[in-house]
Amino acid sequence: MSLAIKYEELEAIIFDLGGVIIEVDMGYPYRYFAEHSSGDNDILIQDLRAIALSYEIGKIADQEFIEKVRETTKLDKTDEEIKTIWNGMLGQVPSELGELLYKIKQEKKTFILSNTNPIHIAEVEKRFQQSITQYPLNNLFDEIYYSHNIGLHKPDQNIYNYVIEKNNLNPQHTLFIDDNIHNVNSAKALGIQTIHMNPPMNLPAIMEIIDN
């Protein structure tokens, strides 16, 4: 694999979180709820995704999210059980990313830009610290932008413009790495350098390629 991106020409790198830094199975909670609920699975998943979007742009808080999930699925689950199912999409953080991200931060401006929510972030930070004990997540990036904090959601182009303008970045010298092709294409349309990261690609391999 070859990429037309040269590391030395980059001023900043924007990383997605799920699927780039932490392993994810985005469909897990939806499959679980569909398998354990009655009724039309397609409608159920559509309704759950709408609830999740509201949660991920900060329109509803944790407790309202949990109650809406319980009401929609009609499952007799406690708050903690719903949180556990929701966190079931999260995997592990590869331990080798600690030193890699630390090195990149010494050389470039680095950012996280993630569609996410408070329940997931609490769990991500815990798993990150378990895997990468030497560096807290917040110390490895200049700024971290979570959708629920800024009220914007990828692939809406406003979210990329928000980060670019906030940090006075030059899109042509900024790299965005994401595992969702729609997010990548949206950023690319703004002139941002992009890499669509999907298996078997991983972050160390990508950085090695563009650094050569």
Foldseek 3Di string as FASTA:
>chain_A
DADPFAPVLAAEEEEEPDPAFWDFDQCQLLVVLLVPADDDSVVLSVQLVVLLQCQLQQVDALVVSQVSNCVSSVDPDDSVRSLVSNLVGTHAGALVVQVVLQVVVVPHAYEYEYRDHDSNVVVRQVRCCVRHVPDRPVRSHPYYHGNSVNSDDPPPLVSVVVVCVVVVHDQCNYEYEEQDVRSQVSSVVVVHHYDHDDPPDHDVVVVVNNPD
